[in-house]
N, C-alpha and C. Protein backbone atom coordinates (compact mmCIF):
# COMPACT_ATOMS: atom_id res chain seq x y z
N MET A 1 83.28 96.58 106.87
CA MET A 1 83.49 96.28 105.45
C MET A 1 83.48 94.78 105.24
N LYS A 2 84.21 94.04 106.05
CA LYS A 2 84.24 92.58 105.88
C LYS A 2 82.80 91.98 106.09
N GLN A 3 82.12 92.55 107.07
CA GLN A 3 80.76 92.05 107.34
C GLN A 3 79.85 92.28 106.13
N ARG A 4 80.02 93.46 105.52
CA ARG A 4 79.22 93.77 104.36
C ARG A 4 79.55 92.84 103.21
N LEU A 5 80.82 92.50 103.02
CA LEU A 5 81.27 91.59 102.02
C LEU A 5 80.66 90.19 102.25
N ARG A 6 80.70 89.77 103.50
CA ARG A 6 80.17 88.45 103.81
C ARG A 6 78.67 88.42 103.60
N SER A 7 77.99 89.51 103.98
CA SER A 7 76.55 89.58 103.78
C SER A 7 76.20 89.49 102.29
N GLY A 8 76.87 90.23 101.49
CA GLY A 8 76.63 90.22 100.08
C GLY A 8 77.02 88.87 99.49
N ALA A 9 78.05 88.27 100.05
CA ALA A 9 78.50 86.93 99.60
C ALA A 9 77.40 85.89 99.85
N GLY A 10 76.72 86.04 100.97
CA GLY A 10 75.64 85.09 101.27
C GLY A 10 74.52 85.18 100.24
N ARG A 11 74.18 86.38 99.83
CA ARG A 11 73.15 86.54 98.83
C ARG A 11 73.58 85.93 97.49
N VAL A 12 74.79 86.18 97.11
CA VAL A 12 75.32 85.64 95.85
C VAL A 12 75.37 84.14 95.88
N LYS A 13 75.78 83.55 97.02
CA LYS A 13 75.83 82.10 97.17
C LYS A 13 74.46 81.48 96.91
N ARG A 14 73.42 82.13 97.36
CA ARG A 14 72.07 81.63 97.15
C ARG A 14 71.73 81.58 95.69
N LEU A 15 72.39 82.43 94.90
CA LEU A 15 72.12 82.47 93.47
C LEU A 15 72.98 81.44 92.72
N GLY A 16 73.83 80.72 93.43
CA GLY A 16 74.62 79.67 92.79
C GLY A 16 76.02 80.08 92.40
N HIS A 17 76.56 81.09 92.93
CA HIS A 17 77.91 81.56 92.60
C HIS A 17 78.85 81.43 93.80
N GLY A 18 78.59 80.53 94.68
CA GLY A 18 79.32 80.37 95.93
C GLY A 18 80.79 80.18 95.78
N ALA A 19 81.24 79.34 94.86
CA ALA A 19 82.70 79.09 94.69
C ALA A 19 83.42 80.35 94.26
N GLN A 20 82.78 81.13 93.33
CA GLN A 20 83.44 82.35 92.92
C GLN A 20 83.52 83.35 94.03
N VAL A 21 82.48 83.41 94.86
CA VAL A 21 82.48 84.36 95.96
C VAL A 21 83.56 83.98 96.99
N GLU A 22 83.63 82.71 97.29
CA GLU A 22 84.67 82.25 98.24
C GLU A 22 86.05 82.57 97.73
N GLU A 23 86.24 82.36 96.42
CA GLU A 23 87.54 82.65 95.83
C GLU A 23 87.87 84.13 95.92
N LEU A 24 86.88 84.97 95.69
CA LEU A 24 87.07 86.43 95.79
C LEU A 24 87.33 86.84 97.24
N LEU A 25 86.60 86.23 98.19
CA LEU A 25 86.84 86.60 99.58
C LEU A 25 88.26 86.24 100.03
N GLU A 26 88.72 85.06 99.58
CA GLU A 26 90.07 84.62 99.88
C GLU A 26 91.10 85.58 99.27
N ARG A 27 90.84 86.03 98.03
CA ARG A 27 91.75 86.95 97.36
C ARG A 27 91.80 88.30 98.10
N VAL A 28 90.61 88.79 98.53
CA VAL A 28 90.58 90.02 99.30
C VAL A 28 91.42 89.87 100.58
N ALA A 29 91.33 88.75 101.26
CA ALA A 29 92.06 88.52 102.47
C ALA A 29 93.56 88.57 102.16
N VAL A 30 94.00 87.93 101.06
CA VAL A 30 95.41 87.92 100.67
C VAL A 30 95.83 89.35 100.38
N LEU A 31 95.06 90.10 99.67
CA LEU A 31 95.39 91.49 99.35
C LEU A 31 95.48 92.36 100.58
N GLU A 32 94.59 92.16 101.53
CA GLU A 32 94.68 92.90 102.80
C GLU A 32 95.96 92.62 103.53
N ASP A 33 96.40 91.33 103.54
CA ASP A 33 97.68 91.00 104.16
C ASP A 33 98.82 91.61 103.45
N GLU A 34 98.75 91.69 102.12
CA GLU A 34 99.86 92.32 101.35
C GLU A 34 99.93 93.80 101.62
N VAL A 35 98.79 94.45 101.74
CA VAL A 35 98.76 95.88 102.05
C VAL A 35 99.38 96.11 103.41
N GLN A 36 99.06 95.29 104.40
CA GLN A 36 99.62 95.43 105.73
C GLN A 36 101.15 95.26 105.69
N GLU A 37 101.62 94.29 104.92
CA GLU A 37 103.06 94.04 104.76
C GLU A 37 103.75 95.30 104.14
N CYS A 38 103.05 95.91 103.12
CA CYS A 38 103.60 97.12 102.51
C CYS A 38 103.68 98.27 103.49
N ARG A 39 102.67 98.37 104.32
CA ARG A 39 102.68 99.45 105.35
C ARG A 39 103.89 99.21 106.32
N GLN A 40 104.12 98.02 106.69
CA GLN A 40 105.22 97.72 107.58
C GLN A 40 106.58 98.00 106.91
N LEU A 41 106.68 97.65 105.61
CA LEU A 41 107.92 97.92 104.88
C LEU A 41 108.13 99.43 104.73
N ASN A 42 107.05 100.15 104.52
CA ASN A 42 107.19 101.62 104.37
C ASN A 42 107.64 102.26 105.68
N LEU A 43 107.13 101.77 106.82
CA LEU A 43 107.59 102.25 108.08
C LEU A 43 109.08 101.93 108.31
N ARG A 44 109.47 100.73 107.98
CA ARG A 44 110.90 100.37 108.09
C ARG A 44 111.78 101.25 107.21
N LEU A 45 111.32 101.52 106.00
CA LEU A 45 112.03 102.39 105.08
C LEU A 45 112.17 103.79 105.67
N ALA A 46 111.10 104.30 106.28
CA ALA A 46 111.16 105.63 106.91
C ALA A 46 112.18 105.63 108.02
N GLU A 47 112.20 104.58 108.82
CA GLU A 47 113.18 104.49 109.92
C GLU A 47 114.57 104.47 109.40
N LEU A 48 114.79 103.68 108.33
CA LEU A 48 116.13 103.58 107.74
C LEU A 48 116.53 104.94 107.16
N THR A 49 115.61 105.64 106.52
CA THR A 49 115.90 106.96 105.96
C THR A 49 116.36 107.93 107.08
N ASP A 50 115.66 107.85 108.23
CA ASP A 50 116.09 108.66 109.39
C ASP A 50 117.51 108.36 109.82
N VAL A 51 117.86 107.08 109.84
CA VAL A 51 119.21 106.70 110.24
C VAL A 51 120.25 107.22 109.23
N VAL A 52 119.93 107.02 107.95
CA VAL A 52 120.87 107.49 106.90
C VAL A 52 121.01 108.99 106.94
N GLN A 53 119.92 109.71 107.18
CA GLN A 53 120.00 111.17 107.26
C GLN A 53 120.90 111.63 108.43
N GLU A 54 120.75 110.93 109.56
CA GLU A 54 121.57 111.24 110.71
C GLU A 54 123.08 110.98 110.42
N LEU A 55 123.32 109.92 109.74
CA LEU A 55 124.73 109.53 109.46
C LEU A 55 125.37 110.40 108.41
N LEU A 56 124.57 111.04 107.57
CA LEU A 56 125.12 111.89 106.52
C LEU A 56 125.38 113.31 106.95
N LEU A 57 125.05 113.67 108.19
CA LEU A 57 125.34 114.98 108.70
C LEU A 57 126.88 115.18 108.74
N PRO A 58 127.34 116.41 108.57
CA PRO A 58 128.79 116.63 108.65
C PRO A 58 129.33 116.20 109.99
N VAL A 59 130.56 115.73 110.01
CA VAL A 59 131.14 115.18 111.20
C VAL A 59 131.12 116.18 112.36
N ALA A 60 131.34 117.45 112.06
CA ALA A 60 131.38 118.50 113.11
C ALA A 60 130.02 118.63 113.79
N GLN A 61 128.92 118.32 113.07
CA GLN A 61 127.57 118.45 113.61
C GLN A 61 127.04 117.14 114.15
N ARG A 62 127.68 116.06 113.87
CA ARG A 62 127.15 114.74 114.25
C ARG A 62 127.17 114.52 115.75
N ASP A 63 126.07 114.06 116.24
CA ASP A 63 125.89 113.73 117.65
C ASP A 63 126.12 112.21 117.80
N GLU A 64 127.27 111.81 118.25
CA GLU A 64 127.63 110.37 118.28
C GLU A 64 126.64 109.57 119.14
N ALA A 65 126.16 110.12 120.25
CA ALA A 65 125.23 109.39 121.09
C ALA A 65 123.92 109.19 120.36
N ARG A 66 123.48 110.19 119.59
CA ARG A 66 122.25 110.05 118.82
C ARG A 66 122.40 109.05 117.68
N VAL A 67 123.56 109.08 117.04
CA VAL A 67 123.82 108.08 115.96
C VAL A 67 123.79 106.66 116.57
N ALA A 68 124.43 106.47 117.69
CA ALA A 68 124.44 105.14 118.31
C ALA A 68 123.03 104.73 118.70
N GLU A 69 122.29 105.70 119.24
CA GLU A 69 120.86 105.37 119.63
C GLU A 69 120.05 104.94 118.42
N LEU A 70 120.17 105.70 117.28
CA LEU A 70 119.41 105.38 116.07
C LEU A 70 119.84 104.01 115.51
N MET A 71 121.11 103.77 115.52
CA MET A 71 121.60 102.44 114.99
C MET A 71 121.12 101.30 115.85
N GLU A 72 121.14 101.50 117.15
CA GLU A 72 120.67 100.44 118.07
C GLU A 72 119.17 100.17 117.88
N ARG A 73 118.43 101.28 117.79
CA ARG A 73 117.01 101.13 117.60
C ARG A 73 116.62 100.44 116.30
N TYR A 74 117.36 100.80 115.23
CA TYR A 74 117.14 100.18 113.93
C TYR A 74 117.52 98.69 113.99
N SER A 75 118.65 98.41 114.64
CA SER A 75 119.12 97.02 114.69
C SER A 75 118.14 96.14 115.47
N LYS A 76 117.53 96.67 116.50
CA LYS A 76 116.56 95.94 117.30
C LYS A 76 115.30 95.68 116.47
N GLY A 77 114.98 96.60 115.54
CA GLY A 77 113.77 96.43 114.75
C GLY A 77 113.91 95.44 113.61
N LEU A 78 115.14 94.97 113.35
CA LEU A 78 115.35 94.02 112.24
C LEU A 78 114.80 92.65 112.55
């Protein structure tokens, strides 16, 4: 995809729109970084949801070793 963008950008530059193309390519790169950050945040949220779900189980059903393991794993991921 990036190669195709660059290829098309080269054609547009020859037509005299180079600055606009470079600006758009930079914006696409920024947006790709933001999407990756959102993916990482969604993964973190899923992990946190797992921890909260485990902690909300009734005390009689709660597995203390599992809770400790989840909390440790989440803490390491911070």
